[in-house]
N, C-alpha and C. Protein backbone atom coordinates (compact mmCIF):
# COMPACT_ATOMS: atom_id res chain seq x y z
N MET A 1 -21.80 -8.34 -1.35
CA MET A 1 -20.56 -8.33 -2.11
C MET A 1 -19.42 -7.82 -1.23
N ALA A 2 -18.26 -8.43 -1.36
CA ALA A 2 -17.09 -8.00 -0.60
C ALA A 2 -16.54 -6.71 -1.18
N HIS A 3 -15.79 -6.01 -0.41
CA HIS A 3 -15.19 -4.76 -0.83
C HIS A 3 -13.72 -4.97 -1.16
N LEU A 4 -13.16 -4.01 -1.89
CA LEU A 4 -11.77 -4.08 -2.31
C LEU A 4 -10.97 -2.92 -1.74
N THR A 5 -9.68 -3.14 -1.57
CA THR A 5 -8.75 -2.08 -1.22
C THR A 5 -7.44 -2.35 -1.93
N LEU A 6 -6.65 -1.31 -2.11
CA LEU A 6 -5.35 -1.48 -2.74
C LEU A 6 -4.27 -1.40 -1.67
N MET A 7 -3.32 -2.31 -1.76
CA MET A 7 -2.13 -2.29 -0.91
C MET A 7 -0.92 -2.12 -1.82
N MET A 8 -0.01 -1.26 -1.39
CA MET A 8 1.32 -1.24 -2.00
C MET A 8 2.32 -1.51 -0.89
N ILE A 9 3.16 -2.50 -1.10
CA ILE A 9 4.30 -2.70 -0.21
C ILE A 9 5.39 -1.79 -0.78
N LYS A 10 5.78 -0.81 0.01
CA LYS A 10 6.64 0.27 -0.48
C LYS A 10 8.10 -0.18 -0.60
N PRO A 11 8.92 0.62 -1.32
CA PRO A 11 10.31 0.22 -1.58
C PRO A 11 11.11 -0.16 -0.34
N ASP A 12 10.90 0.53 0.79
CA ASP A 12 11.66 0.20 1.99
C ASP A 12 11.38 -1.22 2.46
N ALA A 13 10.12 -1.62 2.47
CA ALA A 13 9.77 -2.96 2.93
C ALA A 13 10.21 -4.03 1.93
N VAL A 14 10.18 -3.71 0.63
CA VAL A 14 10.68 -4.65 -0.38
C VAL A 14 12.19 -4.82 -0.19
N GLU A 15 12.91 -3.70 -0.07
CA GLU A 15 14.38 -3.74 0.12
C GLU A 15 14.77 -4.53 1.36
N ASN A 16 13.96 -4.44 2.40
CA ASN A 16 14.28 -5.09 3.67
C ASN A 16 13.76 -6.53 3.77
N GLY A 17 13.22 -7.04 2.66
CA GLY A 17 12.83 -8.45 2.60
C GLY A 17 11.55 -8.81 3.32
N HIS A 18 10.61 -7.86 3.40
CA HIS A 18 9.39 -8.10 4.17
C HIS A 18 8.16 -8.51 3.34
N ILE A 19 8.31 -8.73 2.04
CA ILE A 19 7.15 -9.05 1.19
C ILE A 19 6.40 -10.26 1.74
N GLY A 20 7.09 -11.35 1.97
CA GLY A 20 6.44 -12.58 2.42
C GLY A 20 5.74 -12.42 3.76
N ASN A 21 6.42 -11.78 4.71
CA ASN A 21 5.83 -11.57 6.04
C ASN A 21 4.57 -10.72 5.95
N ILE A 22 4.62 -9.67 5.14
CA ILE A 22 3.45 -8.79 5.00
C ILE A 22 2.30 -9.54 4.35
N LEU A 23 2.57 -10.27 3.27
CA LEU A 23 1.50 -11.02 2.61
C LEU A 23 0.90 -12.06 3.55
N GLU A 24 1.72 -12.69 4.38
CA GLU A 24 1.21 -13.68 5.33
C GLU A 24 0.28 -13.02 6.34
N LYS A 25 0.64 -11.86 6.85
CA LYS A 25 -0.20 -11.17 7.83
C LYS A 25 -1.50 -10.70 7.20
N VAL A 26 -1.43 -10.26 5.94
CA VAL A 26 -2.62 -9.80 5.22
C VAL A 26 -3.60 -10.97 5.04
N THR A 27 -3.10 -12.10 4.58
CA THR A 27 -4.00 -13.24 4.36
C THR A 27 -4.50 -13.81 5.69
N ALA A 28 -3.65 -13.80 6.71
CA ALA A 28 -4.07 -14.28 8.03
C ALA A 28 -5.18 -13.40 8.61
N ALA A 29 -5.22 -12.13 8.20
CA ALA A 29 -6.27 -11.20 8.66
C ALA A 29 -7.56 -11.35 7.85
N GLY A 30 -7.60 -12.32 6.95
CA GLY A 30 -8.84 -12.61 6.24
C GLY A 30 -8.99 -11.96 4.88
N PHE A 31 -7.95 -11.29 4.39
CA PHE A 31 -8.03 -10.68 3.07
C PHE A 31 -7.71 -11.72 2.01
N LYS A 32 -8.44 -11.65 0.89
CA LYS A 32 -8.16 -12.49 -0.28
C LYS A 32 -7.42 -11.63 -1.29
N ILE A 33 -6.35 -12.18 -1.85
CA ILE A 33 -5.59 -11.46 -2.87
C ILE A 33 -6.27 -11.67 -4.21
N LYS A 34 -6.72 -10.57 -4.82
CA LYS A 34 -7.44 -10.63 -6.10
C LYS A 34 -6.56 -10.23 -7.28
N ALA A 35 -5.42 -9.59 -6.99
CA ALA A 35 -4.42 -9.23 -8.00
C ALA A 35 -3.13 -8.94 -7.25
N LEU A 36 -1.99 -9.24 -7.91
CA LEU A 36 -0.70 -9.08 -7.24
C LEU A 36 0.39 -8.92 -8.28
N LYS A 37 1.27 -7.94 -8.07
CA LYS A 37 2.43 -7.80 -8.95
C LYS A 37 3.58 -7.06 -8.29
N LEU A 38 4.78 -7.44 -8.72
CA LEU A 38 6.00 -6.73 -8.38
C LEU A 38 6.26 -5.79 -9.55
N THR A 39 6.41 -4.51 -9.25
CA THR A 39 6.56 -3.52 -10.31
C THR A 39 7.38 -2.35 -9.78
N GLN A 40 7.69 -1.41 -10.64
CA GLN A 40 8.38 -0.21 -10.18
C GLN A 40 7.69 1.00 -10.80
N LEU A 41 7.40 1.97 -9.95
CA LEU A 41 6.76 3.20 -10.41
C LEU A 41 7.79 4.10 -11.10
N THR A 42 7.39 4.68 -12.23
CA THR A 42 8.20 5.72 -12.85
C THR A 42 7.92 7.03 -12.11
N GLN A 43 8.70 8.05 -12.39
CA GLN A 43 8.44 9.35 -11.77
C GLN A 43 7.04 9.83 -12.14
N ARG A 44 6.66 9.68 -13.40
CA ARG A 44 5.33 10.11 -13.85
C ARG A 44 4.24 9.32 -13.12
N ASP A 45 4.44 8.00 -12.96
CA ASP A 45 3.48 7.17 -12.23
C ASP A 45 3.29 7.68 -10.81
N ALA A 46 4.40 7.89 -10.11
CA ALA A 46 4.34 8.32 -8.71
C ALA A 46 3.71 9.70 -8.58
N GLU A 47 4.06 10.61 -9.48
CA GLU A 47 3.46 11.96 -9.44
C GLU A 47 1.97 11.89 -9.68
N SER A 48 1.54 11.02 -10.58
CA SER A 48 0.12 10.85 -10.87
C SER A 48 -0.60 10.19 -9.69
N PHE A 49 -0.03 9.11 -9.17
CA PHE A 49 -0.67 8.37 -8.08
C PHE A 49 -0.85 9.25 -6.85
N TYR A 50 0.16 10.07 -6.55
CA TYR A 50 0.14 10.91 -5.35
C TYR A 50 -0.21 12.36 -5.66
N ALA A 51 -0.89 12.61 -6.78
CA ALA A 51 -1.23 13.98 -7.19
C ALA A 51 -1.97 14.75 -6.11
N VAL A 52 -2.76 14.08 -5.30
CA VAL A 52 -3.50 14.72 -4.22
C VAL A 52 -2.56 15.44 -3.24
N HIS A 53 -1.32 14.99 -3.18
CA HIS A 53 -0.33 15.58 -2.27
C HIS A 53 0.62 16.56 -2.97
N SER A 54 0.35 16.91 -4.22
CA SER A 54 1.32 17.67 -5.02
C SER A 54 1.69 19.03 -4.43
N GLU A 55 0.82 19.63 -3.64
CA GLU A 55 1.11 20.93 -3.04
C GLU A 55 1.77 20.82 -1.66
N ARG A 56 1.89 19.60 -1.17
CA ARG A 56 2.44 19.40 0.17
C ARG A 56 3.97 19.46 0.13
N PRO A 57 4.60 19.89 1.22
CA PRO A 57 6.06 20.04 1.23
C PRO A 57 6.82 18.73 1.04
N PHE A 58 6.20 17.61 1.38
CA PHE A 58 6.89 16.31 1.29
C PHE A 58 6.73 15.63 -0.07
N PHE A 59 6.04 16.27 -1.02
CA PHE A 59 5.72 15.62 -2.29
C PHE A 59 6.96 15.12 -3.04
N GLY A 60 7.97 15.96 -3.16
CA GLY A 60 9.19 15.57 -3.88
C GLY A 60 9.88 14.37 -3.24
N GLU A 61 9.97 14.40 -1.91
CA GLU A 61 10.56 13.27 -1.19
C GLU A 61 9.74 12.00 -1.39
N LEU A 62 8.42 12.13 -1.35
CA LEU A 62 7.53 10.98 -1.53
C LEU A 62 7.74 10.36 -2.91
N VAL A 63 7.77 11.18 -3.95
CA VAL A 63 7.97 10.68 -5.32
C VAL A 63 9.33 10.00 -5.44
N SER A 64 10.38 10.63 -4.90
CA SER A 64 11.72 10.03 -4.95
C SER A 64 11.75 8.68 -4.24
N PHE A 65 11.14 8.62 -3.06
CA PHE A 65 11.09 7.38 -2.29
C PHE A 65 10.35 6.29 -3.05
N MET A 66 9.17 6.62 -3.56
CA MET A 66 8.33 5.59 -4.19
C MET A 66 8.88 5.11 -5.54
N THR A 67 9.84 5.83 -6.11
CA THR A 67 10.42 5.42 -7.39
C THR A 67 11.81 4.81 -7.23
N ARG A 68 12.33 4.72 -6.02
CA ARG A 68 13.73 4.29 -5.85
C ARG A 68 13.94 2.79 -6.01
N GLY A 69 12.87 2.04 -5.95
CA GLY A 69 12.99 0.58 -6.09
C GLY A 69 11.63 -0.03 -6.32
N PRO A 70 11.60 -1.35 -6.48
CA PRO A 70 10.32 -2.02 -6.74
C PRO A 70 9.34 -1.92 -5.58
N ILE A 71 8.08 -2.04 -5.94
CA ILE A 71 6.98 -2.13 -4.99
C ILE A 71 6.19 -3.40 -5.31
N VAL A 72 5.36 -3.81 -4.38
CA VAL A 72 4.38 -4.86 -4.65
C VAL A 72 3.01 -4.20 -4.56
N ALA A 73 2.25 -4.30 -5.64
CA ALA A 73 0.87 -3.81 -5.64
C ALA A 73 -0.05 -5.01 -5.51
N ALA A 74 -1.08 -4.87 -4.70
CA ALA A 74 -2.04 -5.96 -4.51
C ALA A 74 -3.44 -5.40 -4.34
N LEU A 75 -4.39 -6.08 -4.94
CA LEU A 75 -5.80 -5.77 -4.76
C LEU A 75 -6.34 -6.80 -3.78
N LEU A 76 -6.89 -6.30 -2.67
CA LEU A 76 -7.34 -7.16 -1.58
C LEU A 76 -8.84 -7.09 -1.43
N GLU A 77 -9.45 -8.22 -1.10
CA GLU A 77 -10.90 -8.31 -0.96
C GLU A 77 -11.26 -8.80 0.44
N LYS A 78 -12.23 -8.12 1.02
CA LYS A 78 -12.77 -8.52 2.33
C LYS A 78 -13.94 -7.58 2.62
N GLU A 79 -14.89 -8.02 3.42
CA GLU A 79 -15.91 -7.09 3.89
C GLU A 79 -15.20 -5.96 4.64
N ASN A 80 -15.66 -4.73 4.46
CA ASN A 80 -15.04 -3.57 5.11
C ASN A 80 -13.54 -3.50 4.83
N ALA A 81 -13.14 -3.82 3.59
CA ALA A 81 -11.73 -3.94 3.23
C ALA A 81 -10.93 -2.68 3.56
N VAL A 82 -11.44 -1.52 3.20
CA VAL A 82 -10.67 -0.29 3.40
C VAL A 82 -10.41 -0.06 4.89
N SER A 83 -11.46 -0.06 5.69
CA SER A 83 -11.27 0.23 7.12
C SER A 83 -10.50 -0.88 7.83
N ASP A 84 -10.77 -2.14 7.49
CA ASP A 84 -10.04 -3.23 8.13
C ASP A 84 -8.56 -3.19 7.77
N PHE A 85 -8.25 -2.84 6.51
CA PHE A 85 -6.85 -2.78 6.12
C PHE A 85 -6.14 -1.59 6.76
N ARG A 86 -6.84 -0.47 6.87
CA ARG A 86 -6.24 0.70 7.54
C ARG A 86 -5.90 0.35 9.00
N THR A 87 -6.76 -0.43 9.63
CA THR A 87 -6.49 -0.88 11.00
C THR A 87 -5.27 -1.80 11.03
N LEU A 88 -5.18 -2.71 10.07
CA LEU A 88 -4.07 -3.65 10.01
C LEU A 88 -2.73 -2.95 9.77
N ILE A 89 -2.72 -1.90 8.94
CA ILE A 89 -1.44 -1.25 8.65
C ILE A 89 -0.99 -0.34 9.79
N GLY A 90 -1.91 0.27 10.50
CA GLY A 90 -1.54 1.12 11.63
C GLY A 90 -1.28 2.55 11.24
N ALA A 91 -0.95 3.36 12.23
CA ALA A 91 -0.73 4.80 12.05
C ALA A 91 0.44 5.06 11.10
N THR A 92 0.37 6.21 10.41
CA THR A 92 1.42 6.61 9.47
C THR A 92 2.78 6.63 10.15
N ASN A 93 2.83 7.14 11.36
CA ASN A 93 4.07 7.18 12.12
C ASN A 93 4.21 5.84 12.86
N PRO A 94 5.21 5.03 12.51
CA PRO A 94 5.32 3.72 13.16
C PRO A 94 5.50 3.80 14.68
N ALA A 95 6.03 4.91 15.18
CA ALA A 95 6.17 5.07 16.64
C ALA A 95 4.81 5.16 17.31
N GLU A 96 3.78 5.58 16.57
CA GLU A 96 2.43 5.70 17.11
C GLU A 96 1.53 4.53 16.72
N ALA A 97 2.04 3.64 15.88
CA ALA A 97 1.22 2.52 15.39
C ALA A 97 1.03 1.48 16.49
N ALA A 98 -0.14 0.86 16.48
CA ALA A 98 -0.45 -0.15 17.48
C ALA A 98 0.44 -1.38 17.30
N GLU A 99 0.71 -2.06 18.42
CA GLU A 99 1.50 -3.29 18.38
C GLU A 99 0.87 -4.28 17.41
N GLY A 100 1.70 -4.96 16.64
CA GLY A 100 1.22 -5.98 15.71
C GLY A 100 0.79 -5.45 14.36
N THR A 101 0.68 -4.13 14.20
CA THR A 101 0.30 -3.59 12.90
C THR A 101 1.50 -3.66 11.94
N LEU A 102 1.22 -3.61 10.66
CA LEU A 102 2.28 -3.73 9.67
C LEU A 102 3.32 -2.62 9.80
N ARG A 103 2.87 -1.41 10.06
CA ARG A 103 3.82 -0.32 10.18
C ARG A 103 4.64 -0.42 11.47
N LYS A 104 4.05 -0.89 12.56
CA LYS A 104 4.80 -1.08 13.80
C LYS A 104 5.89 -2.14 13.57
N LEU A 105 5.54 -3.18 12.82
CA LEU A 105 6.47 -4.28 12.59
C LEU A 105 7.54 -3.97 11.55
N TYR A 106 7.19 -3.24 10.47
CA TYR A 106 8.07 -3.17 9.31
C TYR A 106 8.48 -1.77 8.86
N ALA A 107 7.83 -0.72 9.34
CA ALA A 107 8.19 0.63 8.92
C ALA A 107 9.40 1.13 9.69
N THR A 108 10.17 2.00 9.06
CA THR A 108 11.36 2.55 9.72
C THR A 108 11.17 4.01 10.11
N SER A 109 10.22 4.71 9.50
CA SER A 109 9.98 6.12 9.80
C SER A 109 8.62 6.52 9.25
N MET A 110 8.22 7.75 9.53
CA MET A 110 6.96 8.25 9.00
C MET A 110 7.00 8.32 7.47
N GLY A 111 8.15 8.68 6.92
CA GLY A 111 8.29 8.78 5.46
C GLY A 111 8.46 7.43 4.80
N GLU A 112 9.13 6.52 5.47
CA GLU A 112 9.33 5.18 4.93
C GLU A 112 8.53 4.22 5.80
N ASN A 113 7.21 4.18 5.49
CA ASN A 113 6.30 3.49 6.39
C ASN A 113 5.75 2.17 5.85
N ALA A 114 6.50 1.54 4.98
CA ALA A 114 6.34 0.13 4.58
C ALA A 114 5.14 -0.18 3.68
N VAL A 115 3.98 0.37 3.98
CA VAL A 115 2.77 -0.07 3.30
C VAL A 115 1.83 1.10 3.03
N HIS A 116 1.21 1.07 1.85
CA HIS A 116 0.14 2.02 1.52
C HIS A 116 -1.17 1.25 1.53
N GLY A 117 -2.22 1.88 2.02
CA GLY A 117 -3.57 1.33 1.93
C GLY A 117 -4.53 2.42 1.51
N SER A 118 -5.48 2.07 0.67
CA SER A 118 -6.49 3.04 0.22
C SER A 118 -7.20 3.65 1.41
N ASP A 119 -7.58 4.94 1.29
CA ASP A 119 -8.23 5.62 2.41
C ASP A 119 -9.74 5.73 2.27
N SER A 120 -10.30 5.27 1.14
CA SER A 120 -11.76 5.27 0.95
C SER A 120 -12.10 4.25 -0.13
N ASP A 121 -13.37 3.85 -0.17
CA ASP A 121 -13.81 2.92 -1.23
C ASP A 121 -13.61 3.54 -2.60
N GLU A 122 -13.91 4.83 -2.72
CA GLU A 122 -13.74 5.52 -4.00
C GLU A 122 -12.29 5.51 -4.46
N ASN A 123 -11.37 5.85 -3.54
CA ASN A 123 -9.95 5.85 -3.89
C ASN A 123 -9.44 4.44 -4.15
N ALA A 124 -9.98 3.45 -3.46
CA ALA A 124 -9.59 2.07 -3.72
C ALA A 124 -9.86 1.69 -5.17
N MET A 125 -11.00 2.11 -5.69
CA MET A 125 -11.34 1.79 -7.08
C MET A 125 -10.41 2.53 -8.05
N LEU A 126 -10.12 3.80 -7.77
CA LEU A 126 -9.21 4.57 -8.61
C LEU A 126 -7.80 3.98 -8.57
N GLU A 127 -7.34 3.63 -7.38
CA GLU A 127 -6.00 3.07 -7.23
C GLU A 127 -5.89 1.68 -7.84
N ALA A 128 -6.94 0.88 -7.73
CA ALA A 128 -6.95 -0.44 -8.35
C ALA A 128 -6.84 -0.30 -9.87
N ALA A 129 -7.59 0.63 -10.44
CA ALA A 129 -7.54 0.85 -11.89
C ALA A 129 -6.17 1.37 -12.32
N PHE A 130 -5.51 2.12 -11.47
CA PHE A 130 -4.17 2.64 -11.76
C PHE A 130 -3.18 1.49 -11.94
N HIS A 131 -3.29 0.47 -11.09
CA HIS A 131 -2.30 -0.62 -11.08
C HIS A 131 -2.69 -1.87 -11.86
N PHE A 132 -3.98 -2.12 -12.02
CA PHE A 132 -4.40 -3.41 -12.58
C PHE A 132 -5.47 -3.26 -13.66
N SER A 133 -5.23 -3.93 -14.79
CA SER A 133 -6.27 -4.02 -15.81
C SER A 133 -7.31 -5.04 -15.34
N GLU A 134 -8.44 -5.07 -15.98
CA GLU A 134 -9.48 -6.04 -15.60
C GLU A 134 -8.98 -7.47 -15.74
N ARG A 135 -8.17 -7.75 -16.77
CA ARG A 135 -7.71 -9.13 -16.98
C ARG A 135 -6.67 -9.57 -15.95
N GLU A 136 -6.14 -8.62 -15.16
CA GLU A 136 -5.19 -8.97 -14.10
C GLU A 136 -5.87 -9.21 -12.75
N ARG A 137 -7.19 -9.05 -12.72
CA ARG A 137 -7.94 -9.23 -11.48
C ARG A 137 -8.67 -10.56 -11.49
N PHE A 138 -8.65 -11.22 -10.34
CA PHE A 138 -9.26 -12.54 -10.26
C PHE A 138 -10.23 -12.64 -9.11
């Protein structure tokens, strides 16, 4: 069975018109899109989604950033989805990201880094459930 991961195209990449380019690179890397939507996180949504970071100094900035405009949420399928997608998106800091990675291509800073990817299979399932009902998955 293939594995799943969650991708969010963050507000900076949506604002800068990179949705199509990012989706093209994702599918070219062998991921199948199993669910997809353009949506906007409320403050409560963002605080809940990023609760693991609630004690970190950047939490307020993260919530403000993630709620400032629309995002694209997508459920992606591929063998080794989580690790392969983490490789595709690159390092959190775009200055350190490998050439050709999504963050190297589309991120503007460590805080506005274009794309979120699940960091474990367990979190991928939690994040998928956060964004998509069963009837929205194909």
